[in-house]
C-alpha cells in the first residue's frame, strides 16, 4: 500500500504538494505520465474520446519538443497538460540548480504551472522552492502499470482498490507500461463510471477545493 497510496505520514513532509482532490467529491482525476509517444498517445486520446472524458497529461519536455504534433493534439482535444521535467531527472539525486534548470527548460515548451516530479522523487526543500512558481502534483493512486512483474489484471485491481473520492490516479503513456495500461485504464474507467464517478482534469481543481486527506 505504501507504493500504491502514500500514507498521510509521508504526505505530511510535502505540505505544498497536491496529492488528492476534495474527499467528498465523487470524482477521479486521470493523469498520464511520460508522453507524448508514438506508441500510445493517440490510442489513449481515442479511448478518452470514446468515454467522453478528459484527463491530464504530464509530458516530458523532450518528448513534447520532438513530437510536437502529438503534444498539440492532446491540447486540441481539450485535455490538460503539465510538465514532467525536460529529461525526466530525479530531484532527489540531483543538485537543485541543475534540477531547477531542467524544469525551466520543460516549462518553456509545455507552458503549464502544473509540475509532477519524475518518479515522485523530490526533496522537501526543492518542493517548497518550486511551489512558489508551480502547482506540484503527485498522486493519490499510482497504478504501477510500468511494473513488468505485474499482470494487467493486477494493475486494474490496484486502480479500483485504491481509487476513491478525489483520487488523482497515475497511468503511463510509455512503451514500458503499454500492455498493462491498455488493459487496466479502460477497464478501470468503466468500473468507476458504473460506480457513479465523474472525471475531471486538474485544471478543474481550484485551490480552494484542494485537500490532502486520508
Protein backbone atom coordinates (compact mmCIF):
# COMPACT_ATOMS: atom_id res chain seq x y z
CA UNK A 1 0.00 0.00 0.00
CA UNK A 2 2.89 2.39 0.66
CA UNK A 3 3.72 2.37 -3.05
CA UNK A 4 0.19 2.48 -4.45
CA UNK A 5 -1.17 5.04 -1.99
CA UNK A 6 1.23 7.00 0.17
CA UNK A 7 0.18 7.23 3.85
CA UNK A 8 -0.63 10.60 5.35
CA UNK A 9 2.56 10.49 7.44
CA UNK A 10 4.64 10.62 4.24
CA UNK A 11 2.43 13.26 2.61
CA UNK A 12 2.93 15.47 5.64
CA UNK A 13 6.56 16.06 4.64
CA UNK A 14 5.28 17.82 1.49
CA UNK A 15 2.65 20.34 2.62
CA UNK A 16 2.82 22.31 -0.65
CA UNK A 17 2.19 19.26 -2.85
CA UNK A 18 -1.23 18.29 -4.20
CA UNK A 19 -1.94 14.59 -3.60
CA UNK A 20 -5.71 14.41 -3.83
CA UNK A 21 -8.78 16.46 -4.65
CA UNK A 22 -11.77 17.04 -2.43
CA UNK A 23 -12.60 13.90 -0.44
CA UNK A 24 -16.37 14.41 -0.56
CA UNK A 25 -16.40 14.84 -4.35
CA UNK A 26 -17.17 11.65 -6.30
CA UNK A 27 -14.56 12.43 -8.92
CA UNK A 28 -11.45 10.85 -10.40
CA UNK A 29 -8.58 12.89 -11.86
CA UNK A 30 -6.97 10.67 -14.50
CA UNK A 31 -3.35 11.51 -15.30
CA UNK A 32 -0.90 10.06 -17.82
CA UNK A 33 2.87 10.46 -17.38
CA UNK A 34 5.86 10.33 -19.73
CA UNK A 35 4.32 11.13 -23.13
CA UNK A 36 3.74 12.01 -25.76
CA UNK A 37 4.70 8.76 -27.51
CA UNK A 38 4.00 7.39 -30.97
CA UNK A 39 3.11 4.07 -29.38
CA UNK A 40 0.34 5.20 -27.01
CA UNK A 41 -0.77 8.81 -27.11
CA UNK A 42 -3.28 8.62 -29.95
CA UNK A 43 -4.65 5.35 -28.60
CA UNK A 44 -5.22 6.99 -25.20
CA UNK A 45 -6.82 10.05 -26.80
CA UNK A 46 -9.22 7.91 -28.82
CA UNK A 47 -10.22 5.95 -25.71
CA UNK A 48 -10.83 9.14 -23.77
CA UNK A 49 -12.99 10.40 -26.64
CA UNK A 50 -14.94 7.14 -26.62
CA UNK A 51 -15.63 7.58 -22.92
CA UNK A 52 -16.40 11.29 -23.32
CA UNK A 53 -13.98 12.26 -20.55
CA UNK A 54 -10.90 14.45 -20.15
CA UNK A 55 -7.55 13.77 -18.50
CA UNK A 56 -4.30 15.49 -17.55
CA UNK A 57 -1.08 14.60 -19.39
CA UNK A 58 2.21 15.22 -17.57
CA UNK A 59 4.53 15.40 -20.56
CA UNK A 60 8.29 15.10 -20.70
CA UNK A 61 9.61 18.28 -22.28
CA UNK A 62 11.97 16.47 -24.64
CA UNK A 63 9.14 14.28 -25.89
CA UNK A 64 6.82 17.26 -26.38
CA UNK A 65 9.58 19.04 -28.30
CA UNK A 66 10.28 16.07 -30.56
CA UNK A 67 6.63 15.05 -31.04
CA UNK A 68 5.09 18.48 -31.25
CA UNK A 69 2.11 17.36 -33.36
CA UNK A 70 1.09 14.81 -30.73
CA UNK A 71 1.56 17.34 -27.95
CA UNK A 72 -0.64 19.85 -29.77
CA UNK A 73 -3.25 17.14 -30.40
CA UNK A 74 -3.55 16.49 -26.66
CA UNK A 75 -4.41 20.16 -26.13
CA UNK A 76 -6.61 20.40 -29.21
CA UNK A 77 -8.84 17.67 -27.82
CA UNK A 78 -9.40 19.65 -24.66
CA UNK A 79 -7.13 17.83 -22.24
CA UNK A 80 -4.94 19.46 -19.61
CA UNK A 81 -1.15 19.36 -19.85
CA UNK A 82 1.50 19.60 -17.16
CA UNK A 83 5.27 19.30 -17.01
CA UNK A 84 7.14 16.13 -16.09
CA UNK A 85 10.51 17.82 -16.47
CA UNK A 86 12.55 18.12 -19.64
CA UNK A 87 14.68 14.98 -19.36
CA UNK A 88 12.87 13.05 -16.60
CA UNK A 89 15.57 13.58 -13.97
CA UNK A 90 15.01 12.87 -10.28
CA UNK A 91 15.38 15.81 -7.95
CA UNK A 92 16.25 13.54 -5.05
CA UNK A 93 19.62 12.64 -6.58
CA UNK A 94 20.42 15.85 -8.45
CA UNK A 95 21.90 19.18 -7.41
CA UNK A 96 18.99 21.59 -7.08
CA UNK A 97 20.47 24.14 -9.51
CA UNK A 98 20.68 21.53 -12.28
CA UNK A 99 17.26 20.14 -11.39
CA UNK A 100 15.57 23.56 -11.49
CA UNK A 101 17.24 24.30 -14.84
CA UNK A 102 15.72 21.12 -16.28
CA UNK A 103 12.28 22.17 -15.02
CA UNK A 104 12.59 25.66 -16.50
CA UNK A 105 13.55 24.19 -19.87
CA UNK A 106 10.45 21.98 -19.82
CA UNK A 107 8.25 24.92 -18.81
CA UNK A 108 9.39 26.90 -21.85
CA UNK A 109 7.93 24.15 -24.05
CA UNK A 110 4.92 22.90 -22.11
CA UNK A 111 3.84 26.27 -20.71
CA UNK A 112 1.92 24.98 -17.71
CA UNK A 113 2.06 25.76 -14.00
CA UNK A 114 1.43 22.07 -13.21
CA UNK A 115 4.53 20.04 -12.42
CA UNK A 116 4.90 16.39 -11.45
CA UNK A 117 8.36 15.31 -10.23
CA UNK A 118 9.68 12.32 -12.22
CA UNK A 119 9.37 9.09 -10.23
CA UNK A 120 7.85 11.21 -7.45
CA UNK A 121 11.38 11.79 -6.18
CA UNK A 122 11.92 15.29 -4.86
CA UNK A 123 13.40 16.71 -1.68
CA UNK A 124 11.02 18.66 0.59
CA UNK A 125 13.15 21.79 0.29
CA UNK A 126 13.00 21.53 -3.52
CA UNK A 127 9.23 21.16 -3.40
CA UNK A 128 8.93 24.20 -1.16
CA UNK A 129 11.04 26.31 -3.52
CA UNK A 130 9.23 25.16 -6.67
CA UNK A 131 5.81 25.75 -5.14
CA UNK A 132 6.43 29.48 -5.48
CA UNK A 133 6.04 29.13 -9.25
CA UNK A 134 4.34 25.79 -9.88
CA UNK A 135 1.49 23.67 -8.61
CA UNK A 136 3.32 20.46 -7.70
CA UNK A 137 1.17 17.38 -8.19
CA UNK A 138 1.95 13.86 -7.01
CA UNK A 139 -0.87 11.32 -6.68
CA UNK A 140 -3.40 9.58 -4.52
CA UNK A 141 -3.08 6.32 -6.51
CA UNK A 142 -0.23 5.11 -8.66
CA UNK A 143 -1.31 2.05 -10.63
CA UNK A 144 2.20 0.64 -11.17
CA UNK A 145 1.37 -0.09 -14.80
CA UNK A 146 5.09 0.36 -15.52
CA UNK A 147 5.95 -2.72 -13.40
CA UNK A 148 6.57 -5.65 -15.73
CA UNK A 149 6.37 -8.06 -12.80
CA UNK A 150 2.65 -7.23 -12.54
CA UNK A 151 -0.03 -8.70 -14.77
CA UNK A 152 -2.51 -6.35 -16.46
CA UNK A 153 -5.25 -7.62 -14.14
CA UNK A 154 -3.05 -6.80 -11.13
CA UNK A 155 -2.77 -3.19 -12.31
CA UNK A 156 -6.53 -2.95 -12.79
CA UNK A 157 -7.10 -4.29 -9.28
CA UNK A 158 -4.72 -1.69 -7.82
CA UNK A 159 -6.61 1.10 -9.59
CA UNK A 160 -10.07 0.08 -8.39
CA UNK A 161 -8.95 -0.95 -4.90
CA UNK A 162 -7.36 2.39 -4.06
CA UNK A 163 -9.36 4.78 -6.26
CA UNK A 164 -11.71 6.90 -4.16
CA UNK A 165 -13.34 10.33 -3.99
CA UNK A 166 -10.93 12.95 -5.31
CA UNK A 167 -8.23 10.47 -6.30
CA UNK A 168 -5.51 11.69 -8.62
CA UNK A 169 -4.69 8.47 -10.47
CA UNK A 170 -1.49 7.81 -12.44
CA UNK A 171 -1.21 5.73 -15.61
CA UNK A 172 1.71 5.98 -18.02
CA UNK A 173 1.94 6.98 -21.66
CA UNK A 174 5.10 4.95 -22.17
CA UNK A 175 6.33 1.89 -24.07
CA UNK A 176 7.21 0.15 -20.81
CA UNK A 177 3.67 0.45 -19.47
CA UNK A 178 1.86 -0.19 -22.76
CA UNK A 179 0.44 -3.68 -22.15
CA UNK A 180 -0.65 -3.06 -18.57
CA UNK A 181 -2.01 0.41 -19.24
CA UNK A 182 -4.02 -0.57 -22.32
CA UNK A 183 -5.78 -3.25 -20.32
CA UNK A 184 -6.22 -1.53 -16.95
CA UNK A 185 -7.05 2.06 -17.90
CA UNK A 186 -10.24 1.46 -19.92
CA UNK A 187 -11.43 -1.30 -17.60
CA UNK A 188 -10.93 0.95 -14.55
CA UNK A 189 -12.79 3.83 -16.21
CA UNK A 190 -15.72 1.51 -16.95
CA UNK A 191 -15.72 0.41 -13.30
CA UNK A 192 -15.59 3.97 -11.94
CA UNK A 193 -18.32 5.11 -14.32
CA UNK A 194 -20.54 2.27 -13.11
CA UNK A 195 -19.88 3.46 -9.55
CA UNK A 196 -21.05 6.97 -10.43
CA UNK A 197 -17.69 8.75 -10.56
CA UNK A 198 -17.14 11.83 -12.70
CA UNK A 199 -13.83 12.58 -14.41
CA UNK A 200 -12.13 15.97 -14.38
CA UNK A 201 -8.80 17.50 -15.29
CA UNK A 202 -6.52 19.18 -12.77
CA UNK A 203 -7.40 22.50 -14.41
CA UNK A 204 -10.86 21.98 -12.91
CA UNK A 205 -9.46 21.73 -9.38
CA UNK A 206 -9.37 25.18 -7.85
CA UNK A 207 -7.04 25.99 -4.91
CA UNK A 208 -9.99 26.25 -2.53
CA UNK A 209 -11.02 22.67 -3.35
CA UNK A 210 -7.67 21.07 -2.66
CA UNK A 211 -7.47 18.79 0.33
CA UNK A 212 -4.71 16.49 1.45
CA UNK A 213 -6.83 13.99 3.31
CA UNK A 214 -6.53 10.36 4.23
